[in-house]
Amino acid sequence: MHILFTRFPLESRFGGAEVQTLSLMKGLSERGYEVSFLGSCATLLEKTRELKIKNQELQIGTPPVTKWGAISFLWRKRIMQKDLIHKIESSGKWDAVFMLSLTEKLLLTKWCADQGIKVIWVEHDRIGRWLTKNPWLLRLRTLSKSATTVVVSALSIDLYRSLGWKGKIVAIPNGIDLARLAERAASSEQRADGVFRIGCIARLTRDKGVDVLINAVKDLPNIHLTIIGSGREESNIRSLLKKNLQPAAYDLKVSHPDITAFYRSIDLLVLPSREHDPFGLVVAEAMAAEVPIICTDVCGIAAYLSSEDGIVVRSGKTEDVRAAIVRMQDPVLRTQYAEHGKNTAREKFSAENMVDEYARFL
């Protein structure tokens, strides 16, 4: 079976969606599928080369996800569509196309369906104004009848249905590399210095709710908060940290050289998302590393968890996050959550399971 992945983003970066896409392409290739990539995403072009997956670069212009991009798409789309179809026709015969960005969903879905090519829309990104207020949403709703949309949680299914999706929607949870997240070295007991170490990995934007977490730990004794991430709210987050915490009680880092080592260094992982977070990959990773977790009810992963796997709190509620952190300071309770969470992560969130689900679907 010949499968083509496409992506034409507004900007290229290495994030959770890219990690999942690469894991899926690699897994399908290992199962005997002929996998290729076509697009303008520099990150995926570079990484597919490293994985020795066939790839072709194609620059066709900006996607219709900004005000000007959506307006100009009206007269740009014909030549963009012509270039896309020509490239696809000249590069081989395809049984399925996995479409990762809005451009090709609008331009290629009907053509692929007419050619008898299976169309899969992969939706990893958060639903925002770029979609809900997009003038091309009406067209997208119509085209959704010719595609199968794959999302990462039941929460996302509900949201896309509310947007008017007409076609089939299935949920396949994201997958993680369990081997990379082997048994964590850190003890579940509080360390000798008595400091309770809390970690958060999140983009520094309002929707991620990092400010809620900072306010929640204000005045809590013997804690250390480490936040890993970057984004347009970074200056505000730094100011809030300085206002609420002593300098020795926090770190703010853009990245970490060894994310597994980071999980081993903390006693608790908190993902305080304020708005729709399609999955919450860091929660699954922490669970696999046997780190207890707190997340909010707008994280897609919350629907996959039982009350024994971690604590799920209401989004945007500082007092709920604070209460959950205080509960997690009990080492016995923390150990119980860590053990259950680890087993759930291995059962539900492995990369192998994710690829198997896609293979069965194909």
Protein backbone atom coordinates (compact mmCIF):
# COMPACT_ATOMS: atom_id res chain seq x y z
CA MET A 1 0.00 0.00 0.00
CA HIS A 2 1.39 3.39 -1.04
CA ILE A 3 0.75 6.21 1.43
CA LEU A 4 1.53 9.90 1.00
CA PHE A 5 1.76 12.33 3.92
CA THR A 6 1.37 16.05 3.14
CA ARG A 7 1.94 19.17 5.23
CA PHE A 8 2.06 22.86 4.21
CA PRO A 9 2.16 24.81 7.50
CA LEU A 10 2.27 28.52 8.18
CA GLU A 11 5.52 27.93 10.06
CA SER A 12 7.66 24.87 10.62
CA ARG A 13 8.57 23.80 14.15
CA PHE A 14 9.33 20.60 15.99
CA GLY A 15 6.38 19.96 18.30
CA GLY A 16 4.03 17.22 19.38
CA ALA A 17 2.25 16.98 16.02
CA GLU A 18 5.56 16.52 14.21
CA VAL A 19 6.73 13.90 16.72
CA GLN A 20 3.52 11.91 16.22
CA THR A 21 3.63 12.21 12.43
CA LEU A 22 7.21 10.95 12.28
CA SER A 23 6.42 8.10 14.65
CA LEU A 24 3.47 7.10 12.49
CA MET A 25 5.42 7.26 9.23
CA LYS A 26 8.27 5.24 10.71
CA GLY A 27 5.91 2.66 12.19
CA LEU A 28 3.95 2.18 8.97
CA SER A 29 7.20 1.86 7.00
CA GLU A 30 8.38 -0.86 9.37
CA ARG A 31 5.12 -2.72 8.76
CA GLY A 32 5.75 -2.82 5.02
CA TYR A 33 3.81 0.21 3.79
CA GLU A 34 5.43 2.40 1.15
CA VAL A 35 5.46 5.81 2.84
CA SER A 36 6.43 9.19 1.35
CA PHE A 37 6.21 12.82 2.40
CA LEU A 38 5.37 15.88 0.28
CA GLY A 39 5.25 19.41 1.59
CA SER A 40 6.90 22.64 2.66
CA CYS A 41 7.46 21.75 6.33
CA ALA A 42 11.22 22.08 6.80
CA THR A 43 11.13 20.05 10.01
CA LEU A 44 9.42 17.05 8.46
CA LEU A 45 11.59 17.26 5.35
CA GLU A 46 14.73 17.15 7.50
CA LYS A 47 13.50 14.38 9.80
CA THR A 48 12.16 12.16 7.01
CA ARG A 49 15.57 12.36 5.35
CA GLU A 50 17.17 11.21 8.59
CA LEU A 51 14.69 8.30 8.76
CA LYS A 52 15.36 7.50 5.07
CA ILE A 53 11.70 8.04 4.19
CA LYS A 54 11.10 9.31 0.67
CA ASN A 55 10.30 13.01 0.58
CA GLN A 56 9.78 15.85 -1.85
CA GLU A 57 9.74 19.56 -1.12
CA LEU A 58 7.03 21.69 -2.67
CA GLN A 59 6.48 25.40 -1.98
CA ILE A 60 2.99 26.52 -2.98
CA GLY A 61 2.37 29.54 -0.76
CA THR A 62 0.97 30.31 2.67
CA PRO A 63 -2.06 28.45 4.03
CA PRO A 64 -5.41 30.22 4.57
CA VAL A 65 -5.08 30.43 8.37
CA THR A 66 -4.50 34.19 8.73
CA LYS A 67 -6.82 37.00 7.66
CA TRP A 68 -4.76 37.90 4.60
CA GLY A 69 -3.96 34.27 3.83
CA ALA A 70 -7.66 33.38 3.80
CA ILE A 71 -8.55 36.33 1.56
CA SER A 72 -5.71 35.86 -0.92
CA PHE A 73 -6.40 32.13 -1.07
CA LEU A 74 -9.43 32.99 -3.19
CA TRP A 75 -7.25 33.83 -6.22
CA ARG A 76 -4.19 31.75 -5.27
CA LYS A 77 -5.94 28.42 -4.89
CA ARG A 78 -6.21 27.53 -8.59
CA ILE A 79 -2.49 27.63 -9.29
CA MET A 80 -1.73 26.03 -5.90
CA GLN A 81 -4.09 23.17 -6.72
CA LYS A 82 -2.57 22.72 -10.17
CA ASP A 83 0.96 22.49 -8.71
CA LEU A 84 -0.17 20.02 -6.04
CA ILE A 85 -1.98 17.70 -8.43
CA HIS A 86 0.88 17.77 -10.93
CA LYS A 87 3.38 16.85 -8.22
CA ILE A 88 1.25 14.01 -6.90
CA GLU A 89 0.48 12.59 -10.34
CA SER A 90 4.13 12.67 -11.34
CA SER A 91 5.40 11.04 -8.15
CA GLY A 92 3.55 7.72 -8.32
CA LYS A 93 0.30 5.90 -7.63
CA TRP A 94 -1.22 6.45 -4.20
CA ASP A 95 -3.69 4.38 -2.22
CA ALA A 96 -4.09 6.88 0.63
CA VAL A 97 -3.16 10.48 1.41
CA PHE A 98 -2.74 11.66 4.99
CA MET A 99 -3.43 15.41 4.97
CA LEU A 100 -1.96 17.33 7.90
CA SER A 101 -2.71 20.97 7.06
CA LEU A 102 -5.63 23.06 5.85
CA THR A 103 -4.26 23.90 2.39
CA GLU A 104 -4.31 20.40 0.93
CA LYS A 105 -7.56 19.51 2.67
CA LEU A 106 -9.25 22.30 0.73
CA LEU A 107 -7.41 21.72 -2.54
CA LEU A 108 -6.91 17.95 -2.79
CA THR A 109 -9.73 16.18 -0.97
CA LYS A 110 -12.28 16.14 -3.80
CA TRP A 111 -9.65 15.35 -6.43
CA CYS A 112 -8.27 12.43 -4.40
CA ALA A 113 -11.74 11.06 -3.71
CA ASP A 114 -12.56 11.25 -7.44
CA GLN A 115 -9.39 9.26 -8.17
CA GLY A 116 -10.36 6.55 -5.68
CA ILE A 117 -7.63 7.56 -3.24
CA LYS A 118 -8.49 7.17 0.45
CA VAL A 119 -8.41 10.60 2.16
CA ILE A 120 -7.41 10.87 5.83
CA TRP A 121 -7.41 14.21 7.61
CA VAL A 122 -5.12 14.07 10.64
CA GLU A 123 -6.10 16.67 13.26
CA HIS A 124 -3.42 17.06 15.96
CA ASP A 125 -3.67 20.83 16.43
CA ARG A 126 -5.76 22.77 18.89
CA ILE A 127 -8.99 24.20 17.49
CA GLY A 128 -8.72 27.99 17.52
CA ARG A 129 -9.89 31.09 15.71
CA TRP A 130 -7.77 30.06 12.71
CA LEU A 131 -10.49 27.44 12.15
CA THR A 132 -13.67 28.55 13.95
CA LYS A 133 -13.60 32.02 12.32
CA ASN A 134 -12.10 30.92 9.01
CA PRO A 135 -14.17 31.93 5.95
CA TRP A 136 -13.25 28.59 4.34
CA LEU A 137 -14.87 26.59 7.16
CA LEU A 138 -18.10 26.13 5.20
CA ARG A 139 -16.18 24.55 2.31
CA LEU A 140 -14.25 22.38 4.75
CA ARG A 141 -17.48 21.08 6.29
CA THR A 142 -18.68 19.99 2.84
CA LEU A 143 -15.39 18.33 1.95
CA SER A 144 -15.30 16.44 5.26
CA LYS A 145 -17.90 14.06 3.80
CA SER A 146 -15.21 12.75 1.43
CA ALA A 147 -12.60 12.17 4.16
CA THR A 148 -12.09 10.27 7.36
CA THR A 149 -10.92 12.60 10.10
CA VAL A 150 -8.57 11.12 12.69
CA VAL A 151 -8.37 12.95 16.02
CA VAL A 152 -6.65 12.01 19.27
CA SER A 153 -9.54 11.98 21.75
CA ALA A 154 -13.30 11.77 22.21
CA LEU A 155 -13.22 15.43 23.26
CA SER A 156 -11.92 16.36 19.81
CA ILE A 157 -14.64 14.27 18.14
CA ASP A 158 -17.29 16.30 19.96
CA LEU A 159 -15.64 19.58 19.00
CA TYR A 160 -15.38 18.72 15.30
CA ARG A 161 -18.99 17.53 15.25
CA SER A 162 -19.99 20.86 16.79
CA LEU A 163 -18.14 22.59 13.93
CA GLY A 164 -20.34 20.78 11.43
CA TRP A 165 -18.13 17.89 10.28
CA LYS A 166 -20.17 15.57 8.04
CA GLY A 167 -17.82 12.64 7.48
CA LYS A 168 -16.51 9.82 9.61
CA ILE A 169 -14.41 10.79 12.65
CA VAL A 170 -12.32 8.32 14.62
CA ALA A 171 -10.16 8.83 17.72
CA ILE A 172 -6.71 7.25 17.94
CA PRO A 173 -4.66 8.36 20.96
CA ASN A 174 -1.12 9.61 20.47
CA GLY A 175 1.70 7.14 20.98
CA ILE A 176 4.93 7.44 22.97
CA ASP A 177 8.27 5.66 22.90
CA LEU A 178 8.05 3.45 25.97
CA ALA A 179 11.64 2.24 25.64
CA ARG A 180 12.90 5.82 25.91
CA LEU A 181 10.86 6.32 29.05
CA ALA A 182 12.12 3.33 30.99
CA GLU A 183 11.81 2.90 34.75
CA ARG A 184 12.50 6.23 36.35
CA ALA A 185 15.48 6.42 38.65
CA ALA A 186 14.11 8.96 41.10
CA SER A 187 12.45 7.69 44.27
CA SER A 188 8.76 8.37 44.74
CA GLU A 189 9.64 9.46 48.26
CA GLN A 190 10.42 13.10 48.88
CA ARG A 191 14.15 13.71 48.53
CA ALA A 192 16.51 14.24 51.45
CA ASP A 193 16.34 18.03 51.10
CA GLY A 194 12.58 17.94 51.67
CA VAL A 195 11.82 19.87 48.48
CA PHE A 196 8.77 18.82 46.46
CA ARG A 197 9.66 19.15 42.77
CA ILE A 198 6.89 20.04 40.32
CA GLY A 199 7.41 20.01 36.56
CA CYS A 200 5.45 21.51 33.68
CA ILE A 201 6.19 21.22 29.96
CA ALA A 202 3.99 23.55 27.93
CA ARG A 203 3.94 26.23 25.29
CA LEU A 204 3.90 29.63 26.99
CA THR A 205 0.57 30.81 25.65
CA ARG A 206 -2.66 31.64 27.46
CA ASP A 207 -4.43 28.43 26.42
CA LYS A 208 -1.86 26.30 28.28
CA GLY A 209 -2.71 27.89 31.64
CA VAL A 210 0.84 28.06 33.00
CA ASP A 211 -0.14 31.20 34.90
CA VAL A 212 -2.79 29.16 36.74
CA LEU A 213 -0.13 26.74 37.93
CA ILE A 214 2.14 29.55 39.13
CA ASN A 215 -0.69 31.12 41.11
CA ALA A 216 -1.59 27.71 42.52
CA VAL A 217 1.85 27.09 44.05
CA LYS A 218 2.18 30.59 45.51
CA ASP A 219 3.07 30.40 49.21
CA LEU A 220 3.29 26.60 49.23
CA PRO A 221 6.29 25.66 51.39
CA ASN A 222 9.23 23.55 50.25
CA ILE A 223 8.36 23.38 46.57
CA HIS A 224 10.40 23.91 43.41
CA LEU A 225 8.68 24.55 40.08
CA THR A 226 10.42 23.90 36.76
CA ILE A 227 8.69 25.08 33.60
CA ILE A 228 9.99 24.04 30.18
CA GLY A 229 8.63 25.90 27.19
CA SER A 230 8.60 29.06 25.11
CA GLY A 231 5.98 31.26 23.50
CA ARG A 232 4.53 34.71 23.18
CA GLU A 233 3.59 34.87 26.89
CA GLU A 234 7.15 34.23 28.08
CA SER A 235 7.75 37.74 29.44
CA ASN A 236 4.45 37.66 31.35
CA ILE A 237 5.26 34.24 32.79
CA ARG A 238 8.69 35.43 33.92
CA SER A 239 7.13 38.44 35.64
CA LEU A 240 4.56 36.27 37.39
CA LEU A 241 7.24 33.87 38.60
CA LYS A 242 9.29 36.72 40.05
CA LYS A 243 6.21 38.13 41.75
CA ASN A 244 4.95 34.88 43.28
CA LEU A 245 8.03 32.76 43.98
CA GLN A 246 11.49 33.17 45.46
CA PRO A 247 14.33 32.88 42.91
CA ALA A 248 15.49 29.55 44.37
CA ALA A 249 11.97 28.09 44.04
CA TYR A 250 11.67 28.03 40.25
CA ASP A 251 13.38 27.56 36.89
CA LEU A 252 12.10 28.57 33.46
CA LYS A 253 13.85 26.84 30.56
CA VAL A 254 13.21 26.94 26.83
CA SER A 255 14.13 23.26 26.47
CA HIS A 256 15.83 20.36 28.21
CA PRO A 257 18.67 18.32 26.68
CA ASP A 258 17.32 15.03 28.07
CA ILE A 259 13.58 15.00 28.65
CA THR A 260 13.68 11.54 30.22
CA ALA A 261 16.18 12.81 32.78
CA PHE A 262 13.84 15.71 33.47
CA TYR A 263 10.98 13.35 34.29
CA ARG A 264 13.30 11.48 36.62
CA SER A 265 14.13 14.71 38.43
CA ILE A 266 10.55 15.65 39.40
CA ASP A 267 7.96 14.34 41.85
CA LEU A 268 4.90 15.56 39.94
CA LEU A 269 3.97 16.67 36.40
CA VAL A 270 1.21 19.26 35.97
CA LEU A 271 -0.42 20.20 32.67
CA PRO A 272 -2.76 23.11 33.56
CA SER A 273 -4.34 23.70 30.13
CA ARG A 274 -7.04 26.39 30.20
CA GLU A 275 -8.52 25.71 26.74
CA HIS A 276 -8.91 22.74 24.40
CA ASP A 277 -5.71 20.69 24.45
CA PRO A 278 -6.23 17.90 21.88
CA PHE A 279 -4.29 15.24 23.80
CA GLY A 280 -1.54 16.25 26.25
CA LEU A 281 1.41 14.12 25.20
CA VAL A 282 3.59 15.16 28.16
CA VAL A 283 1.02 13.61 30.51
CA ALA A 284 1.37 10.24 28.77
CA GLU A 285 5.15 10.51 28.82
CA ALA A 286 5.24 11.34 32.52
CA MET A 287 2.93 8.42 33.29
CA ALA A 288 5.19 6.07 31.35
CA ALA A 289 8.16 7.42 33.33
CA GLU A 290 6.24 6.59 36.55
CA VAL A 291 5.67 10.21 37.49
CA PRO A 292 2.27 11.07 39.02
CA ILE A 293 0.26 13.62 37.05
CA ILE A 294 -2.32 16.37 37.32
CA CYS A 295 -4.11 17.63 34.20
CA THR A 296 -7.29 19.55 33.45
CA ASP A 297 -10.59 18.39 32.01
CA VAL A 298 -9.96 20.15 28.67
CA CYS A 299 -7.00 17.85 27.95
CA GLY A 300 -8.04 15.09 25.56
CA ILE A 301 -6.03 12.51 27.47
CA ALA A 302 -8.28 13.02 30.53
CA ALA A 303 -11.01 10.89 28.92
CA TYR A 304 -8.61 7.93 28.72
CA LEU A 305 -7.73 8.08 32.43
CA SER A 306 -9.39 6.50 35.45
CA SER A 307 -9.48 8.07 38.89
CA GLU A 308 -6.51 5.85 39.82
CA ASP A 309 -4.24 7.12 37.03
CA GLY A 310 -3.91 10.74 38.16
CA ILE A 311 -5.92 13.76 39.23
CA VAL A 312 -8.08 15.61 36.69
CA VAL A 313 -9.17 19.11 37.75
CA ARG A 314 -11.40 21.80 36.26
CA SER A 315 -9.64 24.05 33.78
CA GLY A 316 -8.77 27.58 34.82
CA LYS A 317 -9.43 26.88 38.53
CA THR A 318 -6.40 27.89 40.58
CA GLU A 319 -7.90 26.52 43.79
CA ASP A 320 -8.49 23.09 42.22
CA VAL A 321 -4.91 22.86 40.95
CA ARG A 322 -3.59 23.92 44.34
CA ALA A 323 -5.71 21.37 46.22
CA ALA A 324 -4.55 18.59 43.88
CA ILE A 325 -0.88 19.55 44.39
CA VAL A 326 -1.33 19.50 48.16
CA ARG A 327 -2.87 16.01 47.89
CA MET A 328 0.04 14.84 45.76
CA GLN A 329 2.51 15.76 48.49
CA ASP A 330 1.47 12.55 50.24
CA PRO A 331 4.21 10.07 49.13
CA VAL A 332 1.97 7.01 49.58
CA LEU A 333 -0.76 8.47 47.37
CA ARG A 334 1.83 9.62 44.86
CA THR A 335 3.27 6.11 44.61
CA GLN A 336 -0.17 4.65 43.96
CA TYR A 337 -0.89 7.14 41.16
CA ALA A 338 2.55 6.58 39.63
CA GLU A 339 2.12 2.80 39.50
CA HIS A 340 -1.38 2.89 38.02
CA GLY A 341 -0.37 5.59 35.57
CA LYS A 342 2.61 3.62 34.35
CA ASN A 343 0.44 0.57 33.63
CA THR A 344 -2.17 2.65 31.82
CA ALA A 345 0.46 4.37 29.67
CA ARG A 346 1.90 1.01 28.62
CA GLU A 347 -1.54 -0.37 27.83
CA LYS A 348 -3.02 2.60 25.96
CA PHE A 349 -0.36 5.04 24.79
CA SER A 350 2.51 3.12 23.19
CA ALA A 351 3.67 4.13 19.72
CA GLU A 352 3.17 0.53 18.63
CA ASN A 353 -0.49 0.63 19.64
CA MET A 354 -0.99 3.89 17.76
CA VAL A 355 0.52 2.50 14.55
CA ASP A 356 -1.48 -0.71 14.92
CA GLU A 357 -4.69 1.32 15.13
CA TYR A 358 -3.83 3.21 11.95
CA ALA A 359 -2.88 -0.04 10.20
CA ARG A 360 -6.22 -1.64 11.12
CA PHE A 361 -8.00 1.49 9.97
CA LEU A 362 -6.17 1.43 6.62
